[in-house]
mmCIF file of all heavy atoms, coordinates in Angstrom:
data_MODEL
# 
_entry.id   MODEL 
# 
loop_
_atom_site.group_PDB 
_atom_site.id 
_atom_site.type_symbol 
_atom_site.label_atom_id 
_atom_site.label_alt_id 
_atom_site.label_comp_id 
_atom_site.label_asym_id 
_atom_site.label_entity_id 
_atom_site.label_seq_id 
_atom_site.pdbx_PDB_ins_code 
_atom_site.Cartn_x 
_atom_site.Cartn_y 
_atom_site.Cartn_z 
_atom_site.occupancy 
_atom_site.B_iso_or_equiv 
_atom_site.pdbx_formal_charge 
_atom_site.auth_seq_id 
_atom_site.auth_comp_id 
_atom_site.auth_asym_id 
_atom_site.auth_atom_id 
_atom_site.pdbx_PDB_model_num 
ATOM 1   N N   . PRO A 1 1  ? 0.831  -1.204  -0.068  1.00 0.00 ? 1  PRO A N   1 
ATOM 2   C CA  . PRO A 1 1  ? 0.050  -0.122  -0.130  1.00 0.00 ? 1  PRO A CA  1 
ATOM 3   C C   . PRO A 1 1  ? 0.856  1.274   0.026   1.00 0.00 ? 1  PRO A C   1 
ATOM 4   O O   . PRO A 1 1  ? 0.400  2.346   -0.273  1.00 0.00 ? 1  PRO A O   1 
ATOM 5   C CB  . PRO A 1 1  ? -0.838 -0.115  1.298   1.00 0.00 ? 1  PRO A CB  1 
ATOM 6   C CG  . PRO A 1 1  ? 0.026  -0.947  2.215   1.00 0.00 ? 1  PRO A CG  1 
ATOM 7   C CD  . PRO A 1 1  ? 0.815  -1.946  1.329   1.00 0.00 ? 1  PRO A CD  1 
ATOM 8   N N   . SER A 1 2  ? 2.144  1.200   0.387   1.00 0.00 ? 2  SER A N   1 
ATOM 9   C CA  . SER A 1 2  ? 2.926  2.403   0.406   1.00 0.00 ? 2  SER A CA  1 
ATOM 10  C C   . SER A 1 2  ? 3.556  2.824   -0.880  1.00 0.00 ? 2  SER A C   1 
ATOM 11  O O   . SER A 1 2  ? 3.982  4.005   -1.112  1.00 0.00 ? 2  SER A O   1 
ATOM 12  C CB  . SER A 1 2  ? 4.171  2.103   1.363   1.00 0.00 ? 2  SER A CB  1 
ATOM 13  O OG  . SER A 1 2  ? 5.081  1.117   0.717   1.00 0.00 ? 2  SER A OG  1 
ATOM 14  N N   . LEU A 1 3  ? 3.415  2.038   -1.885  1.00 0.00 ? 3  LEU A N   1 
ATOM 15  C CA  . LEU A 1 3  ? 3.848  2.292   -3.362  1.00 0.00 ? 3  LEU A CA  1 
ATOM 16  C C   . LEU A 1 3  ? 2.828  2.866   -4.079  1.00 0.00 ? 3  LEU A C   1 
ATOM 17  O O   . LEU A 1 3  ? 1.668  2.246   -4.331  1.00 0.00 ? 3  LEU A O   1 
ATOM 18  C CB  . LEU A 1 3  ? 4.449  1.076   -3.942  1.00 0.00 ? 3  LEU A CB  1 
ATOM 19  C CG  . LEU A 1 3  ? 5.764  0.361   -3.561  1.00 0.00 ? 3  LEU A CG  1 
ATOM 20  C CD1 . LEU A 1 3  ? 6.012  -0.829  -4.322  1.00 0.00 ? 3  LEU A CD1 1 
ATOM 21  C CD2 . LEU A 1 3  ? 6.814  1.295   -3.792  1.00 0.00 ? 3  LEU A CD2 1 
ATOM 22  N N   . PRO A 1 4  ? 3.070  4.090   -4.666  1.00 0.00 ? 4  PRO A N   1 
ATOM 23  C CA  . PRO A 1 4  ? 2.099  4.669   -5.618  1.00 0.00 ? 4  PRO A CA  1 
ATOM 24  C C   . PRO A 1 4  ? 1.826  3.863   -6.915  1.00 0.00 ? 4  PRO A C   1 
ATOM 25  O O   . PRO A 1 4  ? 2.824  3.068   -7.277  1.00 0.00 ? 4  PRO A O   1 
ATOM 26  C CB  . PRO A 1 4  ? 2.778  6.005   -5.999  1.00 0.00 ? 4  PRO A CB  1 
ATOM 27  C CG  . PRO A 1 4  ? 3.747  6.282   -4.914  1.00 0.00 ? 4  PRO A CG  1 
ATOM 28  C CD  . PRO A 1 4  ? 4.218  4.982   -4.466  1.00 0.00 ? 4  PRO A CD  1 
ATOM 29  N N   . GLU A 1 5  ? 0.744  4.040   -7.459  1.00 0.00 ? 5  GLU A N   1 
ATOM 30  C CA  . GLU A 1 5  ? 0.403  3.166   -8.627  1.00 0.00 ? 5  GLU A CA  1 
ATOM 31  C C   . GLU A 1 5  ? 1.228  3.248   -9.789  1.00 0.00 ? 5  GLU A C   1 
ATOM 32  O O   . GLU A 1 5  ? 1.648  2.342   -10.482 1.00 0.00 ? 5  GLU A O   1 
ATOM 33  C CB  . GLU A 1 5  ? -1.119 3.396   -9.087  1.00 0.00 ? 5  GLU A CB  1 
ATOM 34  C CG  . GLU A 1 5  ? -2.188 2.866   -8.109  1.00 0.00 ? 5  GLU A CG  1 
ATOM 35  C CD  . GLU A 1 5  ? -2.085 1.274   -7.979  1.00 0.00 ? 5  GLU A CD  1 
ATOM 36  O OE1 . GLU A 1 5  ? -1.922 0.641   -8.939  1.00 0.00 ? 5  GLU A OE1 1 
ATOM 37  O OE2 . GLU A 1 5  ? -2.218 0.853   -6.817  1.00 0.00 ? 5  GLU A OE2 1 
ATOM 38  N N   . LYS A 1 6  ? 1.565  4.611   -9.860  1.00 0.00 ? 6  LYS A N   1 
ATOM 39  C CA  . LYS A 1 6  ? 2.710  4.929   -11.013 1.00 0.00 ? 6  LYS A CA  1 
ATOM 40  C C   . LYS A 1 6  ? 3.974  4.110   -10.867 1.00 0.00 ? 6  LYS A C   1 
ATOM 41  O O   . LYS A 1 6  ? 4.488  3.651   -11.807 1.00 0.00 ? 6  LYS A O   1 
ATOM 42  C CB  . LYS A 1 6  ? 2.955  6.346   -11.039 1.00 0.00 ? 6  LYS A CB  1 
ATOM 43  C CG  . LYS A 1 6  ? 3.847  6.847   -12.155 1.00 0.00 ? 6  LYS A CG  1 
ATOM 44  C CD  . LYS A 1 6  ? 3.989  8.406   -12.175 1.00 0.00 ? 6  LYS A CD  1 
ATOM 45  C CE  . LYS A 1 6  ? 4.818  8.849   -13.360 1.00 0.00 ? 6  LYS A CE  1 
ATOM 46  N NZ  . LYS A 1 6  ? 4.951  10.419  -13.369 1.00 0.00 ? 6  LYS A NZ  1 
ATOM 47  N N   . ILE A 1 7  ? 4.491  3.984   -9.614  1.00 0.00 ? 7  ILE A N   1 
ATOM 48  C CA  . ILE A 1 7  ? 5.693  3.309   -9.303  1.00 0.00 ? 7  ILE A CA  1 
ATOM 49  C C   . ILE A 1 7  ? 5.505  1.780   -9.622  1.00 0.00 ? 7  ILE A C   1 
ATOM 50  O O   . ILE A 1 7  ? 6.332  1.083   -10.146 1.00 0.00 ? 7  ILE A O   1 
ATOM 51  C CB  . ILE A 1 7  ? 6.199  3.580   -7.891  1.00 0.00 ? 7  ILE A CB  1 
ATOM 52  C CG1 . ILE A 1 7  ? 6.450  4.992   -7.679  1.00 0.00 ? 7  ILE A CG1 1 
ATOM 53  C CG2 . ILE A 1 7  ? 7.425  2.706   -7.620  1.00 0.00 ? 7  ILE A CG2 1 
ATOM 54  C CD1 . ILE A 1 7  ? 7.503  5.676   -8.568  1.00 0.00 ? 7  ILE A CD1 1 
ATOM 55  N N   . LYS A 1 8  ? 4.254  1.222   -9.116  1.00 0.00 ? 8  LYS A N   1 
ATOM 56  C CA  . LYS A 1 8  ? 3.972  -0.080  -9.366  1.00 0.00 ? 8  LYS A CA  1 
ATOM 57  C C   . LYS A 1 8  ? 4.032  -0.517  -10.862 1.00 0.00 ? 8  LYS A C   1 
ATOM 58  O O   . LYS A 1 8  ? 4.568  -1.437  -11.133 1.00 0.00 ? 8  LYS A O   1 
ATOM 59  C CB  . LYS A 1 8  ? 2.592  -0.363  -8.752  1.00 0.00 ? 8  LYS A CB  1 
ATOM 60  C CG  . LYS A 1 8  ? 2.672  -0.393  -7.227  1.00 0.00 ? 8  LYS A CG  1 
ATOM 61  C CD  . LYS A 1 8  ? 1.197  -0.818  -6.721  1.00 0.00 ? 8  LYS A CD  1 
ATOM 62  C CE  . LYS A 1 8  ? 1.189  -0.777  -5.188  1.00 0.00 ? 8  LYS A CE  1 
ATOM 63  N NZ  . LYS A 1 8  ? -0.235 -1.128  -4.636  1.00 0.00 ? 8  LYS A NZ  1 
ATOM 64  N N   . LYS A 1 9  ? 3.387  0.290   -11.549 1.00 0.00 ? 9  LYS A N   1 
ATOM 65  C CA  . LYS A 1 9  ? 3.384  0.039   -13.113 1.00 0.00 ? 9  LYS A CA  1 
ATOM 66  C C   . LYS A 1 9  ? 4.834  0.059   -13.633 1.00 0.00 ? 9  LYS A C   1 
ATOM 67  O O   . LYS A 1 9  ? 5.130  -0.862  -14.451 1.00 0.00 ? 9  LYS A O   1 
ATOM 68  C CB  . LYS A 1 9  ? 2.456  1.186   -13.709 1.00 0.00 ? 9  LYS A CB  1 
ATOM 69  C CG  . LYS A 1 9  ? 1.023  1.027   -13.521 1.00 0.00 ? 9  LYS A CG  1 
ATOM 70  C CD  . LYS A 1 9  ? 0.352  2.075   -14.413 1.00 0.00 ? 9  LYS A CD  1 
ATOM 71  C CE  . LYS A 1 9  ? -1.218 1.904   -14.109 1.00 0.00 ? 9  LYS A CE  1 
ATOM 72  N NZ  . LYS A 1 9  ? -2.010 2.916   -14.831 1.00 0.00 ? 9  LYS A NZ  1 
ATOM 73  N N   . GLN A 1 10 ? 5.630  0.998   -13.105 1.00 0.00 ? 10 GLN A N   1 
ATOM 74  C CA  . GLN A 1 10 ? 6.952  1.001   -13.672 1.00 0.00 ? 10 GLN A CA  1 
ATOM 75  C C   . GLN A 1 10 ? 7.717  -0.155  -13.305 1.00 0.00 ? 10 GLN A C   1 
ATOM 76  O O   . GLN A 1 10 ? 8.536  -0.694  -14.136 1.00 0.00 ? 10 GLN A O   1 
ATOM 77  C CB  . GLN A 1 10 ? 7.730  2.332   -12.996 1.00 0.00 ? 10 GLN A CB  1 
ATOM 78  C CG  . GLN A 1 10 ? 8.972  2.593   -13.746 1.00 0.00 ? 10 GLN A CG  1 
ATOM 79  C CD  . GLN A 1 10 ? 9.013  2.889   -15.052 1.00 0.00 ? 10 GLN A CD  1 
ATOM 80  O OE1 . GLN A 1 10 ? 7.938  3.569   -15.616 1.00 0.00 ? 10 GLN A OE1 1 
ATOM 81  N NE2 . GLN A 1 10 ? 10.070 2.773   -15.815 1.00 0.00 ? 10 GLN A NE2 1 
ATOM 82  N N   . LEU A 1 11 ? 7.511  -0.605  -12.083 1.00 0.00 ? 11 LEU A N   1 
ATOM 83  C CA  . LEU A 1 11 ? 8.319  -1.812  -11.565 1.00 0.00 ? 11 LEU A CA  1 
ATOM 84  C C   . LEU A 1 11 ? 7.808  -3.121  -12.219 1.00 0.00 ? 11 LEU A C   1 
ATOM 85  O O   . LEU A 1 11 ? 8.508  -4.010  -12.332 1.00 0.00 ? 11 LEU A O   1 
ATOM 86  C CB  . LEU A 1 11 ? 8.158  -1.955  -10.053 1.00 0.00 ? 11 LEU A CB  1 
ATOM 87  C CG  . LEU A 1 11 ? 8.853  -0.847  -9.230  1.00 0.00 ? 11 LEU A CG  1 
ATOM 88  C CD1 . LEU A 1 11 ? 8.478  -1.151  -7.758  1.00 0.00 ? 11 LEU A CD1 1 
ATOM 89  C CD2 . LEU A 1 11 ? 10.243 -1.015  -9.275  1.00 0.00 ? 11 LEU A CD2 1 
ATOM 90  N N   . LEU A 1 12 ? 6.525  -3.163  -12.564 1.00 0.00 ? 12 LEU A N   1 
ATOM 91  C CA  . LEU A 1 12 ? 5.838  -4.366  -13.006 1.00 0.00 ? 12 LEU A CA  1 
ATOM 92  C C   . LEU A 1 12 ? 5.871  -4.463  -14.612 1.00 0.00 ? 12 LEU A C   1 
ATOM 93  O O   . LEU A 1 12 ? 5.210  -5.362  -15.137 1.00 0.00 ? 12 LEU A O   1 
ATOM 94  C CB  . LEU A 1 12 ? 4.580  -4.592  -12.498 1.00 0.00 ? 12 LEU A CB  1 
ATOM 95  C CG  . LEU A 1 12 ? 4.451  -4.698  -10.970 1.00 0.00 ? 12 LEU A CG  1 
ATOM 96  C CD1 . LEU A 1 12 ? 3.068  -4.777  -10.496 1.00 0.00 ? 12 LEU A CD1 1 
ATOM 97  C CD2 . LEU A 1 12 ? 5.194  -6.066  -10.500 1.00 0.00 ? 12 LEU A CD2 1 
ATOM 98  N N   . LYS A 1 13 ? 6.454  -3.491  -15.283 1.00 0.00 ? 13 LYS A N   1 
ATOM 99  C CA  . LYS A 1 13 ? 6.387  -3.525  -16.807 1.00 0.00 ? 13 LYS A CA  1 
ATOM 100 C C   . LYS A 1 13 ? 7.089  -4.740  -17.342 1.00 0.00 ? 13 LYS A C   1 
ATOM 101 O O   . LYS A 1 13 ? 8.123  -5.436  -16.709 1.00 0.00 ? 13 LYS A O   1 
ATOM 102 C CB  . LYS A 1 13 ? 7.241  -2.271  -17.307 1.00 0.00 ? 13 LYS A CB  1 
ATOM 103 C CG  . LYS A 1 13 ? 6.409  -1.073  -17.129 1.00 0.00 ? 13 LYS A CG  1 
ATOM 104 C CD  . LYS A 1 13 ? 7.357  0.156   -17.471 1.00 0.00 ? 13 LYS A CD  1 
ATOM 105 C CE  . LYS A 1 13 ? 7.789  0.174   -18.878 1.00 0.00 ? 13 LYS A CE  1 
ATOM 106 N NZ  . LYS A 1 13 ? 8.361  1.408   -19.362 1.00 0.00 ? 13 LYS A NZ  1 
ATOM 107 N N   . GLU A 1 14 ? 6.470  -5.376  -18.211 1.00 0.00 ? 14 GLU A N   1 
ATOM 108 C CA  . GLU A 1 14 ? 6.975  -6.550  -18.938 1.00 0.00 ? 14 GLU A CA  1 
ATOM 109 C C   . GLU A 1 14 ? 8.387  -6.475  -19.418 1.00 0.00 ? 14 GLU A C   1 
ATOM 110 O O   . GLU A 1 14 ? 9.112  -7.436  -19.446 1.00 0.00 ? 14 GLU A O   1 
ATOM 111 C CB  . GLU A 1 14 ? 5.918  -7.096  -20.038 1.00 0.00 ? 14 GLU A CB  1 
ATOM 112 C CG  . GLU A 1 14 ? 4.621  -7.554  -19.419 1.00 0.00 ? 14 GLU A CG  1 
ATOM 113 C CD  . GLU A 1 14 ? 3.765  -8.228  -20.564 1.00 0.00 ? 14 GLU A CD  1 
ATOM 114 O OE1 . GLU A 1 14 ? 4.241  -8.273  -21.663 1.00 0.00 ? 14 GLU A OE1 1 
ATOM 115 O OE2 . GLU A 1 14 ? 2.524  -8.471  -20.270 1.00 0.00 ? 14 GLU A OE2 1 
ATOM 116 N N   . LYS A 1 15 ? 8.644  -5.365  -20.000 1.00 0.00 ? 15 LYS A N   1 
ATOM 117 C CA  . LYS A 1 15 ? 9.957  -5.013  -20.474 1.00 0.00 ? 15 LYS A CA  1 
ATOM 118 C C   . LYS A 1 15 ? 10.505 -3.835  -19.818 1.00 0.00 ? 15 LYS A C   1 
ATOM 119 O O   . LYS A 1 15 ? 9.878  -2.847  -19.383 1.00 0.00 ? 15 LYS A O   1 
ATOM 120 C CB  . LYS A 1 15 ? 9.914  -4.885  -22.061 1.00 0.00 ? 15 LYS A CB  1 
ATOM 121 C CG  . LYS A 1 15 ? 9.565  -6.119  -22.755 1.00 0.00 ? 15 LYS A CG  1 
ATOM 122 C CD  . LYS A 1 15 ? 9.697  -5.964  -24.337 1.00 0.00 ? 15 LYS A CD  1 
ATOM 123 C CE  . LYS A 1 15 ? 9.375  -7.293  -24.929 1.00 0.00 ? 15 LYS A CE  1 
ATOM 124 N NZ  . LYS A 1 15 ? 9.672  -7.455  -26.233 1.00 0.00 ? 15 LYS A NZ  1 
ATOM 125 N N   . ARG A 1 16 ? 11.802 -3.668  -19.783 1.00 0.00 ? 16 ARG A N   1 
ATOM 126 C CA  . ARG A 1 16 ? 12.509 -2.519  -19.255 1.00 0.00 ? 16 ARG A CA  1 
ATOM 127 C C   . ARG A 1 16 ? 13.630 -2.065  -20.186 1.00 0.00 ? 16 ARG A C   1 
ATOM 128 O O   . ARG A 1 16 ? 14.137 -2.896  -20.985 1.00 0.00 ? 16 ARG A O   1 
ATOM 129 C CB  . ARG A 1 16 ? 12.986 -2.794  -17.855 1.00 0.00 ? 16 ARG A CB  1 
ATOM 130 C CG  . ARG A 1 16 ? 14.058 -3.831  -17.681 1.00 0.00 ? 16 ARG A CG  1 
ATOM 131 C CD  . ARG A 1 16 ? 14.544 -4.082  -16.291 1.00 0.00 ? 16 ARG A CD  1 
ATOM 132 N NE  . ARG A 1 16 ? 15.452 -5.192  -16.187 1.00 0.00 ? 16 ARG A NE  1 
ATOM 133 C CZ  . ARG A 1 16 ? 16.684 -5.204  -16.522 1.00 0.00 ? 16 ARG A CZ  1 
ATOM 134 N NH1 . ARG A 1 16 ? 17.350 -4.000  -16.853 1.00 0.00 ? 16 ARG A NH1 1 
ATOM 135 N NH2 . ARG A 1 16 ? 17.570 -6.254  -16.343 1.00 0.00 ? 16 ARG A NH2 1 
ATOM 136 N N   . GLU A 1 17 ? 14.043 -0.854  -20.078 1.00 0.00 ? 17 GLU A N   1 
ATOM 137 C CA  . GLU A 1 17 ? 15.082 -0.335  -20.941 1.00 0.00 ? 17 GLU A CA  1 
ATOM 138 C C   . GLU A 1 17 ? 16.496 -0.606  -20.275 1.00 0.00 ? 17 GLU A C   1 
ATOM 139 O O   . GLU A 1 17 ? 16.709 -0.684  -19.083 1.00 0.00 ? 17 GLU A O   1 
ATOM 140 C CB  . GLU A 1 17 ? 15.048 1.181   -21.007 1.00 0.00 ? 17 GLU A CB  1 
ATOM 141 C CG  . GLU A 1 17 ? 13.843 1.508   -21.885 1.00 0.00 ? 17 GLU A CG  1 
ATOM 142 C CD  . GLU A 1 17 ? 13.674 3.055   -22.009 1.00 0.00 ? 17 GLU A CD  1 
ATOM 143 O OE1 . GLU A 1 17 ? 14.006 3.813   -21.023 1.00 0.00 ? 17 GLU A OE1 1 
ATOM 144 O OE2 . GLU A 1 17 ? 13.245 3.474   -23.130 1.00 0.00 ? 17 GLU A OE2 1 
ATOM 145 N N   . ASP A 1 18 ? 17.469 -0.809  -21.251 1.00 0.00 ? 18 ASP A N   1 
ATOM 146 C CA  . ASP A 1 18 ? 18.882 -1.064  -20.827 1.00 0.00 ? 18 ASP A CA  1 
ATOM 147 C C   . ASP A 1 18 ? 19.784 -0.541  -21.764 1.00 0.00 ? 18 ASP A C   1 
ATOM 148 O O   . ASP A 1 18 ? 19.356 -0.081  -22.859 1.00 0.00 ? 18 ASP A O   1 
ATOM 149 C CB  . ASP A 1 18 ? 19.128 -2.624  -20.579 1.00 0.00 ? 18 ASP A CB  1 
ATOM 150 C CG  . ASP A 1 18 ? 20.328 -2.956  -19.866 1.00 0.00 ? 18 ASP A CG  1 
ATOM 151 O OD1 . ASP A 1 18 ? 21.023 -2.026  -19.278 1.00 0.00 ? 18 ASP A OD1 1 
ATOM 152 O OD2 . ASP A 1 18 ? 20.851 -4.139  -19.984 1.00 0.00 ? 18 ASP A OD2 1 
ATOM 153 N N   . VAL A 1 19 ? 20.981 -0.314  -21.410 1.00 0.00 ? 19 VAL A N   1 
ATOM 154 C CA  . VAL A 1 19 ? 21.872 0.288   -22.314 1.00 0.00 ? 19 VAL A CA  1 
ATOM 155 C C   . VAL A 1 19 ? 22.787 -0.878  -22.796 1.00 0.00 ? 19 VAL A C   1 
ATOM 156 O O   . VAL A 1 19 ? 23.374 -1.635  -22.058 1.00 0.00 ? 19 VAL A O   1 
ATOM 157 C CB  . VAL A 1 19 ? 22.864 1.329   -21.587 1.00 0.00 ? 19 VAL A CB  1 
ATOM 158 C CG1 . VAL A 1 19 ? 23.946 1.853   -22.609 1.00 0.00 ? 19 VAL A CG1 1 
ATOM 159 C CG2 . VAL A 1 19 ? 22.021 2.532   -21.185 1.00 0.00 ? 19 VAL A CG2 1 
ATOM 160 N N   . GLU A 1 20 ? 23.066 -0.858  -24.163 1.00 0.00 ? 20 GLU A N   1 
ATOM 161 C CA  . GLU A 1 20 ? 23.926 -1.961  -24.774 1.00 0.00 ? 20 GLU A CA  1 
ATOM 162 C C   . GLU A 1 20 ? 25.147 -1.282  -25.517 1.00 0.00 ? 20 GLU A C   1 
ATOM 163 O O   . GLU A 1 20 ? 24.945 -0.352  -26.198 1.00 0.00 ? 20 GLU A O   1 
ATOM 164 C CB  . GLU A 1 20 ? 23.037 -2.697  -25.903 1.00 0.00 ? 20 GLU A CB  1 
ATOM 165 C CG  . GLU A 1 20 ? 23.884 -3.738  -26.579 1.00 0.00 ? 20 GLU A CG  1 
ATOM 166 C CD  . GLU A 1 20 ? 23.065 -4.471  -27.703 1.00 0.00 ? 20 GLU A CD  1 
ATOM 167 O OE1 . GLU A 1 20 ? 22.745 -3.836  -28.691 1.00 0.00 ? 20 GLU A OE1 1 
ATOM 168 O OE2 . GLU A 1 20 ? 22.725 -5.523  -27.419 1.00 0.00 ? 20 GLU A OE2 1 
ATOM 169 N N   . PHE A 1 21 ? 26.278 -1.625  -25.079 1.00 0.00 ? 21 PHE A N   1 
ATOM 170 C CA  . PHE A 1 21 ? 27.467 -1.035  -25.696 1.00 0.00 ? 21 PHE A CA  1 
ATOM 171 C C   . PHE A 1 21 ? 28.152 -2.019  -26.604 1.00 0.00 ? 21 PHE A C   1 
ATOM 172 O O   . PHE A 1 21 ? 28.150 -3.268  -26.429 1.00 0.00 ? 21 PHE A O   1 
ATOM 173 C CB  . PHE A 1 21 ? 28.560 -0.787  -24.664 1.00 0.00 ? 21 PHE A CB  1 
ATOM 174 C CG  . PHE A 1 21 ? 28.146 0.300   -23.593 1.00 0.00 ? 21 PHE A CG  1 
ATOM 175 C CD1 . PHE A 1 21 ? 27.406 0.122   -22.463 1.00 0.00 ? 21 PHE A CD1 1 
ATOM 176 C CD2 . PHE A 1 21 ? 28.609 1.647   -23.917 1.00 0.00 ? 21 PHE A CD2 1 
ATOM 177 C CE1 . PHE A 1 21 ? 27.177 1.075   -21.674 1.00 0.00 ? 21 PHE A CE1 1 
ATOM 178 C CE2 . PHE A 1 21 ? 28.177 2.687   -23.047 1.00 0.00 ? 21 PHE A CE2 1 
ATOM 179 C CZ  . PHE A 1 21 ? 27.512 2.405   -22.019 1.00 0.00 ? 21 PHE A CZ  1 
ATOM 180 N N   . ILE A 1 22 ? 28.433 -1.601  -27.845 1.00 0.00 ? 22 ILE A N   1 
ATOM 181 C CA  . ILE A 1 22 ? 29.062 -2.511  -28.873 1.00 0.00 ? 22 ILE A CA  1 
ATOM 182 C C   . ILE A 1 22 ? 30.514 -2.338  -28.799 1.00 0.00 ? 22 ILE A C   1 
ATOM 183 O O   . ILE A 1 22 ? 31.071 -1.262  -28.963 1.00 0.00 ? 22 ILE A O   1 
ATOM 184 C CB  . ILE A 1 22 ? 28.548 -2.140  -30.296 1.00 0.00 ? 22 ILE A CB  1 
ATOM 185 C CG1 . ILE A 1 22 ? 27.002 -1.990  -30.233 1.00 0.00 ? 22 ILE A CG1 1 
ATOM 186 C CG2 . ILE A 1 22 ? 29.089 -3.041  -31.402 1.00 0.00 ? 22 ILE A CG2 1 
ATOM 187 C CD1 . ILE A 1 22 ? 26.266 -3.357  -29.975 1.00 0.00 ? 22 ILE A CD1 1 
ATOM 188 N N   . HIS A 1 23 ? 31.146 -3.408  -28.533 1.00 0.00 ? 23 HIS A N   1 
ATOM 189 C CA  . HIS A 1 23 ? 32.599 -3.584  -28.550 1.00 0.00 ? 23 HIS A CA  1 
ATOM 190 C C   . HIS A 1 23 ? 33.256 -4.188  -29.777 1.00 0.00 ? 23 HIS A C   1 
ATOM 191 O O   . HIS A 1 23 ? 32.626 -5.098  -30.217 1.00 0.00 ? 23 HIS A O   1 
ATOM 192 C CB  . HIS A 1 23 ? 33.101 -4.365  -27.286 1.00 0.00 ? 23 HIS A CB  1 
ATOM 193 C CG  . HIS A 1 23 ? 32.818 -3.710  -25.976 1.00 0.00 ? 23 HIS A CG  1 
ATOM 194 N ND1 . HIS A 1 23 ? 33.910 -3.297  -25.198 1.00 0.00 ? 23 HIS A ND1 1 
ATOM 195 C CD2 . HIS A 1 23 ? 31.713 -3.386  -25.288 1.00 0.00 ? 23 HIS A CD2 1 
ATOM 196 C CE1 . HIS A 1 23 ? 33.365 -2.648  -24.072 1.00 0.00 ? 23 HIS A CE1 1 
ATOM 197 N NE2 . HIS A 1 23 ? 31.965 -2.699  -24.186 1.00 0.00 ? 23 HIS A NE2 1 
ATOM 198 N N   . HIS A 1 24 ? 34.379 -3.630  -30.216 1.00 0.00 ? 24 HIS A N   1 
ATOM 199 C CA  . HIS A 1 24 ? 34.987 -4.107  -31.430 1.00 0.00 ? 24 HIS A CA  1 
ATOM 200 C C   . HIS A 1 24 ? 36.311 -4.836  -31.124 1.00 0.00 ? 24 HIS A C   1 
ATOM 201 O O   . HIS A 1 24 ? 37.001 -4.376  -30.320 1.00 0.00 ? 24 HIS A O   1 
ATOM 202 C CB  . HIS A 1 24 ? 35.280 -2.864  -32.424 1.00 0.00 ? 24 HIS A CB  1 
ATOM 203 C CG  . HIS A 1 24 ? 36.102 -3.388  -33.558 1.00 0.00 ? 24 HIS A CG  1 
ATOM 204 N ND1 . HIS A 1 24 ? 35.565 -4.151  -34.560 1.00 0.00 ? 24 HIS A ND1 1 
ATOM 205 C CD2 . HIS A 1 24 ? 37.429 -3.300  -33.927 1.00 0.00 ? 24 HIS A CD2 1 
ATOM 206 C CE1 . HIS A 1 24 ? 36.457 -4.350  -35.485 1.00 0.00 ? 24 HIS A CE1 1 
ATOM 207 N NE2 . HIS A 1 24 ? 37.566 -3.901  -35.203 1.00 0.00 ? 24 HIS A NE2 1 
ATOM 208 N N   . THR A 1 25 ? 36.459 -5.979  -31.645 1.00 0.00 ? 25 THR A N   1 
ATOM 209 C CA  . THR A 1 25 ? 37.644 -6.729  -31.482 1.00 0.00 ? 25 THR A CA  1 
ATOM 210 C C   . THR A 1 25 ? 37.980 -7.264  -32.863 1.00 0.00 ? 25 THR A C   1 
ATOM 211 O O   . THR A 1 25 ? 37.212 -7.288  -33.730 1.00 0.00 ? 25 THR A O   1 
ATOM 212 C CB  . THR A 1 25 ? 37.556 -7.955  -30.606 1.00 0.00 ? 25 THR A CB  1 
ATOM 213 O OG1 . THR A 1 25 ? 36.632 -9.009  -31.107 1.00 0.00 ? 25 THR A OG1 1 
ATOM 214 C CG2 . THR A 1 25 ? 36.801 -7.540  -29.159 1.00 0.00 ? 25 THR A CG2 1 
ATOM 215 N N   . HIS A 1 26 ? 39.216 -7.874  -32.919 1.00 0.00 ? 26 HIS A N   1 
ATOM 216 C CA  . HIS A 1 26 ? 39.670 -8.498  -34.230 1.00 0.00 ? 26 HIS A CA  1 
ATOM 217 C C   . HIS A 1 26 ? 38.888 -9.720  -34.636 1.00 0.00 ? 26 HIS A C   1 
ATOM 218 O O   . HIS A 1 26 ? 38.787 -10.109 -35.752 1.00 0.00 ? 26 HIS A O   1 
ATOM 219 C CB  . HIS A 1 26 ? 41.155 -8.941  -34.191 1.00 0.00 ? 26 HIS A CB  1 
ATOM 220 C CG  . HIS A 1 26 ? 42.068 -7.808  -33.973 1.00 0.00 ? 26 HIS A CG  1 
ATOM 221 N ND1 . HIS A 1 26 ? 42.159 -6.848  -34.869 1.00 0.00 ? 26 HIS A ND1 1 
ATOM 222 C CD2 . HIS A 1 26 ? 43.018 -7.458  -32.983 1.00 0.00 ? 26 HIS A CD2 1 
ATOM 223 C CE1 . HIS A 1 26 ? 43.110 -5.943  -34.707 1.00 0.00 ? 26 HIS A CE1 1 
ATOM 224 N NE2 . HIS A 1 26 ? 43.633 -6.341  -33.333 1.00 0.00 ? 26 HIS A NE2 1 
ATOM 225 N N   . SER A 1 27 ? 38.154 -10.360 -33.622 1.00 0.00 ? 27 SER A N   1 
ATOM 226 C CA  . SER A 1 27 ? 37.345 -11.500 -33.925 1.00 0.00 ? 27 SER A CA  1 
ATOM 227 C C   . SER A 1 27 ? 35.863 -11.160 -34.298 1.00 0.00 ? 27 SER A C   1 
ATOM 228 O O   . SER A 1 27 ? 35.076 -11.954 -34.501 1.00 0.00 ? 27 SER A O   1 
ATOM 229 C CB  . SER A 1 27 ? 37.259 -12.342 -32.731 1.00 0.00 ? 27 SER A CB  1 
ATOM 230 O OG  . SER A 1 27 ? 38.538 -12.792 -32.261 1.00 0.00 ? 27 SER A OG  1 
ATOM 231 N N   . GLY A 1 28 ? 35.539 -9.905  -34.149 1.00 0.00 ? 28 GLY A N   1 
ATOM 232 C CA  . GLY A 1 28 ? 34.239 -9.311  -34.458 1.00 0.00 ? 28 GLY A CA  1 
ATOM 233 C C   . GLY A 1 28 ? 33.566 -8.432  -33.330 1.00 0.00 ? 28 GLY A C   1 
ATOM 234 O O   . GLY A 1 28 ? 34.163 -8.229  -32.367 1.00 0.00 ? 28 GLY A O   1 
# 
């Protein structure tokens, strides 16, 4: 009950954002 609905929706989202870094090597 202490969590606002907006926060609950954010926490319970089916997908979340992340940062992906592309690294280059001689192997690809």
